[in-house]
C-alpha cells in the first residue's frame, strides 16, 4: 500500500544502481510508515523534461502515498531521509527535490481484485 514514485530529469543511470536505490527507498518507506515492506511499491522515471525555479539543472519529484495518516513528524523525517538518498544516488541537490505526501483511504486503494477498505 505505501508507494514512492521518483521522477527526475537525470538520465537513466546504471540499472544496478537504480535498483539499489529503489530497494533502499522501499526499506526506508516501510520503516517510516510501519507497514510491511511486502506491500511497498517503488517506481522510477528518468529523463523526464523538468524545470525547477526556471532552471533545467537536475531536479527530482517524489510522490509518497500510504493508507492512513502520516503525521508531521513522520513526513519531516521522511523528507530528510529521502532527499539524502536521492542526492547520494542521483546527484540531485536536496534543494531541487520536491516531495508530495498523500494519505489515502483504504477503499480508494485497490490490490489483488479488492481494496484495503
PDB file of N, CA and C in Angstrom:
ATOM      1  N   UNK A   1       0.793  -1.204   0.000  1.00  0.00           N
ATOM      2  CA  UNK A   1       0.000   0.000   0.000  1.00  0.00           C
ATOM      3  C   UNK A   1       0.834   1.266   0.000  1.00  0.00           C
ATOM      4  N   UNK A   2       1.973   1.328   0.711  1.00  0.00           N
ATOM      5  CA  UNK A   2       2.791   2.527   0.526  1.00  0.00           C
ATOM      6  C   UNK A   2       3.449   2.522  -0.854  1.00  0.00           C
ATOM      7  N   UNK A   3       3.530   3.708  -1.437  1.00  0.00           N
ATOM      8  CA  UNK A   3       4.121   3.873  -2.763  1.00  0.00           C
ATOM      9  C   UNK A   3       5.076   5.051  -2.718  1.00  0.00           C
ATOM     10  N   UNK A   4       6.227   4.882  -3.324  1.00  0.00           N
ATOM     11  CA  UNK A   4       7.125   6.005  -3.568  1.00  0.00           C
ATOM     12  C   UNK A   4       7.455   6.016  -5.047  1.00  0.00           C
ATOM     13  N   UNK A   5       7.134   7.131  -5.693  1.00  0.00           N
ATOM     14  CA  UNK A   5       7.362   7.292  -7.129  1.00  0.00           C
ATOM     15  C   UNK A   5       8.384   8.407  -7.315  1.00  0.00           C
ATOM     16  N   UNK A   6       9.423   8.108  -8.071  1.00  0.00           N
ATOM     17  CA  UNK A   6      10.515   9.045  -8.312  1.00  0.00           C
ATOM     18  C   UNK A   6      10.487   9.461  -9.774  1.00  0.00           C
ATOM     19  N   UNK A   7      10.384  10.760 -10.017  1.00  0.00           N
ATOM     20  CA  UNK A   7      10.506  11.304 -11.364  1.00  0.00           C
ATOM     21  C   UNK A   7      11.676  12.283 -11.339  1.00  0.00           C
ATOM     22  N   UNK A   8      12.578  12.150 -12.291  1.00  0.00           N
ATOM     23  CA  UNK A   8      13.756  13.005 -12.298  1.00  0.00           C
ATOM     24  C   UNK A   8      14.163  13.375 -13.715  1.00  0.00           C
ATOM     25  N   UNK A   9      14.811  14.521 -13.815  1.00  0.00           N
ATOM     26  CA  UNK A   9      15.350  14.946 -15.109  1.00  0.00           C
ATOM     27  C   UNK A   9      16.682  14.273 -15.404  1.00  0.00           C
ATOM     28  N   UNK A  10      17.269  13.638 -14.406  1.00  0.00           N
ATOM     29  CA  UNK A  10      18.543  12.955 -14.568  1.00  0.00           C
ATOM     30  C   UNK A  10      18.355  11.760 -15.508  1.00  0.00           C
ATOM     31  N   UNK A  11      19.312  11.553 -16.399  1.00  0.00           N
ATOM     32  CA  UNK A  11      19.248  10.421 -17.329  1.00  0.00           C
ATOM     33  C   UNK A  11      19.285   9.109 -16.569  1.00  0.00           C
ATOM     34  N   UNK A  12      18.717   8.085 -17.189  1.00  0.00           N
ATOM     35  CA  UNK A  12      18.714   6.747 -16.590  1.00  0.00           C
ATOM     36  C   UNK A  12      20.151   6.301 -16.363  1.00  0.00           C
ATOM     37  N   UNK A  13      20.463   5.983 -15.124  1.00  0.00           N
ATOM     38  CA  UNK A  13      21.814   5.556 -14.790  1.00  0.00           C
ATOM     39  C   UNK A  13      21.985   4.056 -14.935  1.00  0.00           C
ATOM     40  N   UNK A  14      22.990   3.556 -14.313  1.00  0.00           N
ATOM     41  CA  UNK A  14      23.273   2.135 -14.292  1.00  0.00           C
ATOM     42  C   UNK A  14      22.100   1.385 -13.651  1.00  0.00           C
ATOM     43  N   UNK A  15      21.640   0.332 -14.313  1.00  0.00           N
ATOM     44  CA  UNK A  15      20.478  -0.421 -13.839  1.00  0.00           C
ATOM     45  C   UNK A  15      20.669  -0.925 -12.409  1.00  0.00           C
ATOM     46  N   UNK A  16      21.834  -1.445 -12.088  1.00  0.00           N
ATOM     47  CA  UNK A  16      22.099  -1.961 -10.743  1.00  0.00           C
ATOM     48  C   UNK A  16      22.025  -0.842  -9.703  1.00  0.00           C
ATOM     49  N   UNK A  17      22.525   0.366 -10.052  1.00  0.00           N
ATOM     50  CA  UNK A  17      22.468   1.492  -9.123  1.00  0.00           C
ATOM     51  C   UNK A  17      21.031   1.938  -8.889  1.00  0.00           C
ATOM     52  N   UNK A  18      20.234   1.977  -9.947  1.00  0.00           N
ATOM     53  CA  UNK A  18      18.827   2.358  -9.825  1.00  0.00           C
ATOM     54  C   UNK A  18      18.088   1.335  -8.966  1.00  0.00           C
ATOM     55  N   UNK A  19      18.311   0.058  -9.214  1.00  0.00           N
ATOM     56  CA  UNK A  19      17.653  -0.987  -8.428  1.00  0.00           C
ATOM     57  C   UNK A  19      18.060  -0.908  -6.963  1.00  0.00           C
ATOM     58  N   UNK A  20      19.334  -0.622  -6.695  1.00  0.00           N
ATOM     59  CA  UNK A  20      19.795  -0.480  -5.314  1.00  0.00           C
ATOM     60  C   UNK A  20      19.105   0.698  -4.635  1.00  0.00           C
ATOM     61  N   UNK A  21      18.967   1.824  -5.353  1.00  0.00           N
ATOM     62  CA  UNK A  21      18.273   2.992  -4.807  1.00  0.00           C
ATOM     63  C   UNK A  21      16.821   2.651  -4.488  1.00  0.00           C
ATOM     64  N   UNK A  22      16.144   1.971  -5.421  1.00  0.00           N
ATOM     65  CA  UNK A  22      14.738   1.624  -5.206  1.00  0.00           C
ATOM     66  C   UNK A  22      14.575   0.673  -4.022  1.00  0.00           C
ATOM     67  N   UNK A  23      15.480  -0.260  -3.865  1.00  0.00           N
ATOM     68  CA  UNK A  23      15.429  -1.174  -2.714  1.00  0.00           C
ATOM     69  C   UNK A  23      15.653  -0.413  -1.412  1.00  0.00           C
ATOM     70  N   UNK A  24      16.577   0.547  -1.416  1.00  0.00           N
ATOM     71  CA  UNK A  24      16.792   1.372  -0.226  1.00  0.00           C
ATOM     72  C   UNK A  24      15.548   2.192   0.103  1.00  0.00           C
ATOM     73  N   UNK A  25      14.956   2.802  -0.922  1.00  0.00           N
ATOM     74  CA  UNK A  25      13.745   3.594  -0.707  1.00  0.00           C
ATOM     75  C   UNK A  25      12.603   2.721  -0.189  1.00  0.00           C
ATOM     76  N   UNK A  26      12.482   1.512  -0.705  1.00  0.00           N
ATOM     77  CA  UNK A  26      11.435   0.587  -0.273  1.00  0.00           C
ATOM     78  C   UNK A  26      11.582   0.258   1.213  1.00  0.00           C
ATOM     79  N   UNK A  27      12.777  -0.105   1.616  1.00  0.00           N
ATOM     80  CA  UNK A  27      13.024  -0.455   3.020  1.00  0.00           C
ATOM     81  C   UNK A  27      12.786   0.744   3.933  1.00  0.00           C
ATOM     82  N   UNK A  28      13.227   1.914   3.495  1.00  0.00           N
ATOM     83  CA  UNK A  28      13.045   3.120   4.306  1.00  0.00           C
ATOM     84  C   UNK A  28      11.572   3.497   4.427  1.00  0.00           C
ATOM     85  N   UNK A  29      10.817   3.367   3.326  1.00  0.00           N
ATOM     86  CA  UNK A  29       9.393   3.711   3.375  1.00  0.00           C
ATOM     87  C   UNK A  29       8.645   2.763   4.310  1.00  0.00           C
ATOM     88  N   UNK A  30       8.975   1.480   4.266  1.00  0.00           N
ATOM     89  CA  UNK A  30       8.351   0.514   5.183  1.00  0.00           C
ATOM     90  C   UNK A  30       8.654   0.895   6.629  1.00  0.00           C
ATOM     91  N   UNK A  31       9.888   1.247   6.895  1.00  0.00           N
ATOM     92  CA  UNK A  31      10.286   1.624   8.258  1.00  0.00           C
ATOM     93  C   UNK A  31       9.548   2.876   8.723  1.00  0.00           C
ATOM     94  N   UNK A  32       9.521   3.897   7.888  1.00  0.00           N
ATOM     95  CA  UNK A  32       8.883   5.164   8.262  1.00  0.00           C
ATOM     96  C   UNK A  32       7.376   5.032   8.470  1.00  0.00           C
ATOM     97  N   UNK A  33       6.728   4.192   7.664  1.00  0.00           N
ATOM     98  CA  UNK A  33       5.267   4.063   7.768  1.00  0.00           C
ATOM     99  C   UNK A  33       4.837   2.957   8.721  1.00  0.00           C
ATOM    100  N   UNK A  34       5.775   2.090   9.083  1.00  0.00           N
ATOM    101  CA  UNK A  34       5.424   0.965   9.942  1.00  0.00           C
ATOM    102  C   UNK A  34       4.610  -0.095   9.221  1.00  0.00           C
ATOM    103  N   UNK A  35       4.686  -0.104   7.894  1.00  0.00           N
ATOM    104  CA  UNK A  35       3.947  -1.077   7.081  1.00  0.00           C
ATOM    105  C   UNK A  35       4.920  -2.155   6.594  1.00  0.00           C
ATOM    106  N   UNK A  36       4.415  -3.367   6.343  1.00  0.00           N
ATOM    107  CA  UNK A  36       5.297  -4.430   5.836  1.00  0.00           C
ATOM    108  C   UNK A  36       5.868  -4.065   4.469  1.00  0.00           C
ATOM    109  N   UNK A  37       7.155  -4.311   4.290  1.00  0.00           N
ATOM    110  CA  UNK A  37       7.774  -3.995   3.004  1.00  0.00           C
ATOM    111  C   UNK A  37       7.164  -4.823   1.874  1.00  0.00           C
ATOM    112  N   UNK A  38       6.558  -5.942   2.204  1.00  0.00           N
ATOM    113  CA  UNK A  38       5.933  -6.775   1.170  1.00  0.00           C
ATOM    114  C   UNK A  38       4.790  -6.047   0.457  1.00  0.00           C
ATOM    115  N   UNK A  39       4.308  -4.936   1.010  1.00  0.00           N
ATOM    116  CA  UNK A  39       3.255  -4.140   0.379  1.00  0.00           C
ATOM    117  C   UNK A  39       3.783  -2.851  -0.254  1.00  0.00           C
ATOM    118  N   UNK A  40       5.055  -2.561  -0.106  1.00  0.00           N
ATOM    119  CA  UNK A  40       5.622  -1.314  -0.622  1.00  0.00           C
ATOM    120  C   UNK A  40       5.920  -1.451  -2.115  1.00  0.00           C
ATOM    121  N   UNK A  41       5.556  -0.401  -2.871  1.00  0.00           N
ATOM    122  CA  UNK A  41       5.871  -0.350  -4.294  1.00  0.00           C
ATOM    123  C   UNK A  41       6.744   0.873  -4.551  1.00  0.00           C
ATOM    124  N   UNK A  42       7.732   0.714  -5.426  1.00  0.00           N
ATOM    125  CA  UNK A  42       8.562   1.829  -5.864  1.00  0.00           C
ATOM    126  C   UNK A  42       8.436   1.951  -7.375  1.00  0.00           C
ATOM    127  N   UNK A  43       8.593   3.175  -7.867  1.00  0.00           N
ATOM    128  CA  UNK A  43       8.565   3.415  -9.312  1.00  0.00           C
ATOM    129  C   UNK A  43       9.607   4.479  -9.626  1.00  0.00           C
ATOM    130  N   UNK A  44      10.199   4.381 -10.812  1.00  0.00           N
ATOM    131  CA  UNK A  44      11.261   5.307 -11.188  1.00  0.00           C
ATOM    132  C   UNK A  44      11.117   5.707 -12.649  1.00  0.00           C
ATOM    133  N   UNK A  45      11.118   7.015 -12.902  1.00  0.00           N
ATOM    134  CA  UNK A  45      11.108   7.562 -14.254  1.00  0.00           C
ATOM    135  C   UNK A  45      12.289   8.515 -14.378  1.00  0.00           C
ATOM    136  N   UNK A  46      13.179   8.227 -15.278  1.00  0.00           N
ATOM    137  CA  UNK A  46      14.347   9.081 -15.501  1.00  0.00           C
ATOM    138  C   UNK A  46      14.196   9.836 -16.814  1.00  0.00           C
ATOM    139  N   UNK A  47      14.977  10.885 -16.950  1.00  0.00           N
ATOM    140  CA  UNK A  47      14.995  11.638 -18.202  1.00  0.00           C
ATOM    141  C   UNK A  47      13.721  12.401 -18.486  1.00  0.00           C
ATOM    142  N   UNK A  48      12.961  12.732 -17.434  1.00  0.00           N
ATOM    143  CA  UNK A  48      11.713  13.470 -17.605  1.00  0.00           C
ATOM    144  C   UNK A  48      12.051  14.951 -17.807  1.00  0.00           C
ATOM    145  N   UNK A  49      11.564  15.583 -18.871  1.00  0.00           N
ATOM    146  CA  UNK A  49      11.812  17.015 -19.032  1.00  0.00           C
ATOM    147  C   UNK A  49      11.169  17.777 -17.861  1.00  0.00           C
ATOM    148  N   UNK A  50      11.985  18.487 -17.096  1.00  0.00           N
ATOM    149  CA  UNK A  50      11.503  19.181 -15.900  1.00  0.00           C
ATOM    150  C   UNK A  50      12.275  20.484 -15.712  1.00  0.00           C
ATOM    151  N   UNK A  51      11.634  21.412 -15.025  1.00  0.00           N
ATOM    152  CA  UNK A  51      12.321  22.617 -14.569  1.00  0.00           C
ATOM    153  C   UNK A  51      12.017  22.808 -13.095  1.00  0.00           C
ATOM    154  N   UNK A  52      12.857  23.575 -12.441  1.00  0.00           N
ATOM    155  CA  UNK A  52      12.641  23.989 -11.048  1.00  0.00           C
ATOM    156  C   UNK A  52      13.251  25.373 -10.929  1.00  0.00           C
ATOM    157  N   UNK A  53      12.458  26.323 -10.507  1.00  0.00           N
ATOM    158  CA  UNK A  53      12.952  27.691 -10.395  1.00  0.00           C
ATOM    159  C   UNK A  53      13.413  28.261 -11.727  1.00  0.00           C
ATOM    160  N   UNK A  54      12.789  27.797 -12.808  1.00  0.00           N
ATOM    161  CA  UNK A  54      13.133  28.289 -14.131  1.00  0.00           C
ATOM    162  C   UNK A  54      14.404  27.701 -14.716  1.00  0.00           C
ATOM    163  N   UNK A  55      14.968  26.700 -14.031  1.00  0.00           N
ATOM    164  CA  UNK A  55      16.222  26.088 -14.466  1.00  0.00           C
ATOM    165  C   UNK A  55      16.009  24.620 -14.817  1.00  0.00           C
ATOM    166  N   UNK A  56      16.756  24.146 -15.803  1.00  0.00           N
ATOM    167  CA  UNK A  56      16.704  22.739 -16.180  1.00  0.00           C
ATOM    168  C   UNK A  56      17.832  21.934 -15.541  1.00  0.00           C
ATOM    169  N   UNK A  57      18.515  22.507 -14.543  1.00  0.00           N
ATOM    170  CA  UNK A  57      19.513  21.747 -13.789  1.00  0.00           C
ATOM    171  C   UNK A  57      18.836  20.514 -13.191  1.00  0.00           C
ATOM    172  N   UNK A  58      19.600  19.484 -12.807  1.00  0.00           N
ATOM    173  CA  UNK A  58      18.996  18.267 -12.260  1.00  0.00           C
ATOM    174  C   UNK A  58      17.953  18.562 -11.173  1.00  0.00           C
ATOM    175  N   UNK A  59      16.819  17.873 -11.292  1.00  0.00           N
ATOM    176  CA  UNK A  59      15.679  18.078 -10.402  1.00  0.00           C
ATOM    177  C   UNK A  59      14.980  16.745 -10.187  1.00  0.00           C
ATOM    178  N   UNK A  60      14.224  16.641  -9.095  1.00  0.00           N
ATOM    179  CA  UNK A  60      13.525  15.397  -8.786  1.00  0.00           C
ATOM    180  C   UNK A  60      12.215  15.701  -8.073  1.00  0.00           C
ATOM    181  N   UNK A  61      11.202  14.905  -8.387  1.00  0.00           N
ATOM    182  CA  UNK A  61       9.894  14.999  -7.745  1.00  0.00           C
ATOM    183  C   UNK A  61       9.543  13.612  -7.217  1.00  0.00           C
ATOM    184  N   UNK A  62       9.165  13.540  -5.946  1.00  0.00           N
ATOM    185  CA  UNK A  62       8.764  12.273  -5.330  1.00  0.00           C
ATOM    186  C   UNK A  62       7.302  12.354  -4.923  1.00  0.00           C
ATOM    187  N   UNK A  63       6.585  11.273  -5.123  1.00  0.00           N
ATOM    188  CA  UNK A  63       5.238  11.113  -4.582  1.00  0.00           C
ATOM    189  C   UNK A  63       5.303   9.989  -3.570  1.00  0.00           C
ATOM    190  N   UNK A  64       4.801  10.247  -2.387  1.00  0.00           N
ATOM    191  CA  UNK A  64       4.735   9.222  -1.351  1.00  0.00           C
ATOM    192  C   UNK A  64       3.285   9.123  -0.919  1.00  0.00           C
ATOM    193  N   UNK A  65       2.720   7.940  -1.116  1.00  0.00           N
ATOM    194  CA  UNK A  65       1.318   7.705  -0.775  1.00  0.00           C
ATOM    195  C   UNK A  65       1.226   6.509   0.154  1.00  0.00           C
ATOM    196  N   UNK A  66       0.286   6.580   1.086  1.00  0.00           N
ATOM    197  CA  UNK A  66       0.084   5.475   2.022  1.00  0.00           C
ATOM    198  C   UNK A  66      -1.327   5.536   2.572  1.00  0.00           C
ATOM    199  N   UNK A  67      -1.843   4.376   2.934  1.00  0.00           N
ATOM    200  CA  UNK A  67      -3.162   4.321   3.586  1.00  0.00           C
ATOM    201  C   UNK A  67      -2.974   4.719   5.038  1.00  0.00           C
ATOM    202  N   UNK A  68      -3.844   5.592   5.507  1.00  0.00           N
ATOM    203  CA  UNK A  68      -3.762   6.056   6.882  1.00  0.00           C
ATOM    204  C   UNK A  68      -3.285   7.494   6.929  1.00  0.00           C
ATOM    205  N   UNK A  69      -2.889   7.905   8.107  1.00  0.00           N
ATOM    206  CA  UNK A  69      -2.484   9.283   8.303  1.00  0.00           C
ATOM    207  C   UNK A  69      -0.990   9.364   8.579  1.00  0.00           C
ATOM    208  N   UNK A  70      -0.311  10.157   7.772  1.00  0.00           N
ATOM    209  CA  UNK A  70       1.092  10.435   8.041  1.00  0.00           C
ATOM    210  C   UNK A  70       1.152  11.707   8.874  1.00  0.00           C
ATOM    211  N   UNK A  71       1.819  11.624   9.994  1.00  0.00           N
ATOM    212  CA  UNK A  71       1.919  12.756  10.902  1.00  0.00           C
ATOM    213  C   UNK A  71       3.079  13.664  10.489  1.00  0.00           C
ATOM    214  N   UNK A  72       3.019  14.949  10.888  1.00  0.00           N
ATOM    215  CA  UNK A  72       4.087  15.884  10.505  1.00  0.00           C
ATOM    216  C   UNK A  72       5.492  15.424  10.884  1.00  0.00           C
ATOM    217  N   UNK A  73       5.644  14.783  12.041  1.00  0.00           N
ATOM    218  CA  UNK A  73       6.991  14.323  12.410  1.00  0.00           C
ATOM    219  C   UNK A  73       7.463  13.205  11.475  1.00  0.00           C
ATOM    220  N   UNK A  74       6.525  12.379  10.984  1.00  0.00           N
ATOM    221  CA  UNK A  74       6.874  11.328  10.024  1.00  0.00           C
ATOM    222  C   UNK A  74       7.296  11.933   8.687  1.00  0.00           C
ATOM    223  N   UNK A  75       6.507  12.879   8.189  1.00  0.00           N
ATOM    224  CA  UNK A  75       6.826  13.456   6.886  1.00  0.00           C
ATOM    225  C   UNK A  75       8.132  14.258   6.947  1.00  0.00           C
ATOM    226  N   UNK A  76       8.384  14.902   8.073  1.00  0.00           N
ATOM    227  CA  UNK A  76       9.646  15.623   8.237  1.00  0.00           C
ATOM    228  C   UNK A  76      10.827  14.656   8.165  1.00  0.00           C
ATOM    229  N   UNK A  77      10.717  13.539   8.891  1.00  0.00           N
ATOM    230  CA  UNK A  77      11.795  12.539   8.891  1.00  0.00           C
ATOM    231  C   UNK A  77      11.949  11.908   7.510  1.00  0.00           C
ATOM    232  N   UNK A  78      10.831  11.634   6.840  1.00  0.00           N
ATOM    233  CA  UNK A  78      10.897  11.049   5.501  1.00  0.00           C
ATOM    234  C   UNK A  78      11.527  12.028   4.519  1.00  0.00           C
ATOM    235  N   UNK A  79      11.177  13.301   4.621  1.00  0.00           N
ATOM    236  CA  UNK A  79      11.741  14.301   3.722  1.00  0.00           C
ATOM    237  C   UNK A  79      13.260  14.335   3.856  1.00  0.00           C
ATOM    238  N   UNK A  80      13.732  14.348   5.065  1.00  0.00           N
ATOM    239  CA  UNK A  80      15.180  14.373   5.309  1.00  0.00           C
ATOM    240  C   UNK A  80      15.842  13.112   4.754  1.00  0.00           C
ATOM    241  N   UNK A  81      15.272  11.963   5.070  1.00  0.00           N
ATOM    242  CA  UNK A  81      15.841  10.679   4.670  1.00  0.00           C
ATOM    243  C   UNK A  81      15.834  10.505   3.146  1.00  0.00           C
ATOM    244  N   UNK A  82      14.681  10.777   2.509  1.00  0.00           N
ATOM    245  CA  UNK A  82      14.565  10.548   1.074  1.00  0.00           C
ATOM    246  C   UNK A  82      15.343  11.576   0.257  1.00  0.00           C
ATOM    247  N   UNK A  83      15.400  12.833   0.709  1.00  0.00           N
ATOM    248  CA  UNK A  83      16.207  13.830  -0.001  1.00  0.00           C
ATOM    249  C   UNK A  83      17.682  13.432   0.031  1.00  0.00           C
ATOM    250  N   UNK A  84      18.128  12.938   1.168  1.00  0.00           N
ATOM    251  CA  UNK A  84      19.512  12.493   1.290  1.00  0.00           C
ATOM    252  C   UNK A  84      19.785  11.306   0.364  1.00  0.00           C
ATOM    253  N   UNK A  85      18.866  10.351   0.329  1.00  0.00           N
ATOM    254  CA  UNK A  85      19.024   9.164  -0.534  1.00  0.00           C
ATOM    255  C   UNK A  85      19.076   9.553  -2.008  1.00  0.00           C
ATOM    256  N   UNK A  86      18.167  10.425  -2.444  1.00  0.00           N
ATOM    257  CA  UNK A  86      18.132  10.859  -3.845  1.00  0.00           C
ATOM    258  C   UNK A  86      19.396  11.635  -4.195  1.00  0.00           C
ATOM    259  N   UNK A  87      19.845  12.494  -3.290  1.00  0.00           N
ATOM    260  CA  UNK A  87      21.067  13.253  -3.514  1.00  0.00           C
ATOM    261  C   UNK A  87      22.254  12.317  -3.715  1.00  0.00           C
ATOM    262  N   UNK A  88      22.381  11.320  -2.858  1.00  0.00           N
ATOM    263  CA  UNK A  88      23.501  10.386  -2.949  1.00  0.00           C
ATOM    264  C   UNK A  88      23.406   9.500  -4.188  1.00  0.00           C
ATOM    265  N   UNK A  89      22.194   9.031  -4.492  1.00  0.00           N
ATOM    266  CA  UNK A  89      22.034   8.082  -5.595  1.00  0.00           C
ATOM    267  C   UNK A  89      22.045   8.748  -6.969  1.00  0.00           C
ATOM    268  N   UNK A  90      21.419   9.929  -7.074  1.00  0.00           N
ATOM    269  CA  UNK A  90      21.253  10.560  -8.383  1.00  0.00           C
ATOM    270  C   UNK A  90      22.037  11.858  -8.547  1.00  0.00           C
ATOM    271  N   UNK A  91      22.561  12.379  -7.446  1.00  0.00           N
ATOM    272  CA  UNK A  91      23.308  13.631  -7.512  1.00  0.00           C
ATOM    273  C   UNK A  91      22.451  14.872  -7.605  1.00  0.00           C
ATOM    274  N   UNK A  92      21.152  14.750  -7.354  1.00  0.00           N
ATOM    275  CA  UNK A  92      20.256  15.908  -7.381  1.00  0.00           C
ATOM    276  C   UNK A  92      20.401  16.657  -6.049  1.00  0.00           C
ATOM    277  N   UNK A  93      20.699  17.958  -6.105  1.00  0.00           N
ATOM    278  CA  UNK A  93      20.808  18.715  -4.855  1.00  0.00           C
ATOM    279  C   UNK A  93      19.491  18.661  -4.066  1.00  0.00           C
ATOM    280  N   UNK A  94      19.604  18.592  -2.751  1.00  0.00           N
ATOM    281  CA  UNK A  94      18.414  18.467  -1.912  1.00  0.00           C
ATOM    282  C   UNK A  94      17.455  19.647  -2.079  1.00  0.00           C
ATOM    283  N   UNK A  95      17.983  20.821  -2.413  1.00  0.00           N
ATOM    284  CA  UNK A  95      17.101  21.978  -2.582  1.00  0.00           C
ATOM    285  C   UNK A  95      16.434  22.006  -3.960  1.00  0.00           C
ATOM    286  N   UNK A  96      16.622  20.925  -4.737  1.00  0.00           N
ATOM    287  CA  UNK A  96      15.930  20.788  -6.028  1.00  0.00           C
ATOM    288  C   UNK A  96      15.073  19.517  -6.047  1.00  0.00           C
ATOM    289  N   UNK A  97      14.619  19.127  -4.871  1.00  0.00           N
ATOM    290  CA  UNK A  97      13.759  17.947  -4.720  1.00  0.00           C
ATOM    291  C   UNK A  97      12.466  18.380  -4.037  1.00  0.00           C
ATOM    292  N   UNK A  98      11.351  18.100  -4.666  1.00  0.00           N
ATOM    293  CA  UNK A  98      10.032  18.292  -4.053  1.00  0.00           C
ATOM    294  C   UNK A  98       9.469  16.918  -3.721  1.00  0.00           C
ATOM    295  N   UNK A  99       8.756  16.856  -2.606  1.00  0.00           N
ATOM    296  CA  UNK A  99       8.101  15.617  -2.195  1.00  0.00           C
ATOM    297  C   UNK A  99       6.642  15.932  -1.895  1.00  0.00           C
ATOM    298  N   UNK A 100       5.749  15.151  -2.469  1.00  0.00           N
ATOM    299  CA  UNK A 100       4.322  15.251  -2.157  1.00  0.00           C
ATOM    300  C   UNK A 100       3.939  14.042  -1.316  1.00  0.00           C
ATOM    301  N   UNK A 101       3.413  14.295  -0.122  1.00  0.00           N
ATOM    302  CA  UNK A 101       2.925  13.241   0.760  1.00  0.00           C
ATOM    303  C   UNK A 101       1.402  13.208   0.643  1.00  0.00           C
ATOM    304  N   UNK A 102       0.834  12.022   0.460  1.00  0.00           N
ATOM    305  CA  UNK A 102      -0.617  11.905   0.324  1.00  0.00           C
ATOM    306  C   UNK A 102      -1.124  10.708   1.119  1.00  0.00           C
ATOM    307  N   UNK A 103      -2.095  10.976   1.988  1.00  0.00           N
ATOM    308  CA  UNK A 103      -2.790   9.910   2.716  1.00  0.00           C
ATOM    309  C   UNK A 103      -3.928   9.402   1.839  1.00  0.00           C
ATOM    310  N   UNK A 104      -4.111   8.112   1.813  1.00  0.00           N
ATOM    311  CA  UNK A 104      -5.204   7.515   1.040  1.00  0.00           C
ATOM    312  C   UNK A 104      -6.143   6.761   1.967  1.00  0.00           C
ATOM    313  N   UNK A 105      -7.416   6.751   1.617  1.00  0.00           N
ATOM    314  CA  UNK A 105      -8.385   5.926   2.325  1.00  0.00           C
ATOM    315  C   UNK A 105      -8.276   4.505   1.781  1.00  0.00           C
ATOM    316  N   UNK A 106      -8.460   3.528   2.647  1.00  0.00           N
ATOM    317  CA  UNK A 106      -8.347   2.136   2.246  1.00  0.00           C
ATOM    318  C   UNK A 106      -9.238   1.757   1.079  1.00  0.00           C
ATOM    319  N   UNK A 107     -10.448   2.309   1.043  1.00  0.00           N
ATOM    320  CA  UNK A 107     -11.386   1.992  -0.028  1.00  0.00           C
ATOM    321  C   UNK A 107     -10.957   2.587  -1.367  1.00  0.00           C
ATOM    322  N   UNK A 108     -10.002   3.508  -1.340  1.00  0.00           N
ATOM    323  CA  UNK A 108      -9.540   4.153  -2.561  1.00  0.00           C
ATOM    324  C   UNK A 108      -8.215   3.569  -3.056  1.00  0.00           C
ATOM    325  N   UNK A 109      -7.824   2.417  -2.486  1.00  0.00           N
ATOM    326  CA  UNK A 109      -6.554   1.782  -2.862  1.00  0.00           C
ATOM    327  C   UNK A 109      -6.854   0.318  -3.185  1.00  0.00           C
ATOM    328  N   UNK A 110      -6.713  -0.063  -4.450  1.00  0.00           N
ATOM    329  CA  UNK A 110      -7.029  -1.421  -4.864  1.00  0.00           C
ATOM    330  C   UNK A 110      -5.809  -2.311  -4.930  1.00  0.00           C
ATOM    331  N   UNK A 111      -6.044  -3.584  -4.709  1.00  0.00           N
ATOM    332  CA  UNK A 111      -4.977  -4.579  -4.801  1.00  0.00           C
ATOM    333  C   UNK A 111      -5.604  -5.968  -4.848  1.00  0.00           C
ATOM    334  N   UNK A 112      -5.098  -6.817  -5.700  1.00  0.00           N
ATOM    335  CA  UNK A 112      -5.487  -8.219  -5.765  1.00  0.00           C
ATOM    336  C   UNK A 112      -6.988  -8.411  -5.942  1.00  0.00           C
ATOM    337  N   UNK A 113      -7.595  -7.567  -6.751  1.00  0.00           N
ATOM    338  CA  UNK A 113      -9.016  -7.686  -7.042  1.00  0.00           C
ATOM    339  C   UNK A 113      -9.954  -7.158  -5.987  1.00  0.00           C
ATOM    340  N   UNK A 114      -9.415  -6.452  -4.988  1.00  0.00           N
ATOM    341  CA  UNK A 114     -10.254  -5.893  -3.932  1.00  0.00           C
ATOM    342  C   UNK A 114      -9.649  -4.550  -3.525  1.00  0.00           C
ATOM    343  N   UNK A 115     -10.054  -4.012  -2.406  1.00  0.00           N
ATOM    344  CA  UNK A 115      -9.472  -2.794  -1.859  1.00  0.00           C
ATOM    345  C   UNK A 115      -9.079  -3.039  -0.413  1.00  0.00           C
ATOM    346  N   UNK A 116      -8.374  -2.084   0.173  1.00  0.00           N
ATOM    347  CA  UNK A 116      -7.969  -2.185   1.561  1.00  0.00           C
ATOM    348  C   UNK A 116      -9.026  -1.615   2.511  1.00  0.00           C
ATOM    349  N   UNK A 117     -10.159  -1.166   1.975  1.00  0.00           N
ATOM    350  CA  UNK A 117     -11.170  -0.548   2.836  1.00  0.00           C
ATOM    351  C   UNK A 117     -12.447  -1.317   2.910  1.00  0.00           C
TER     352      UNK A 117
END
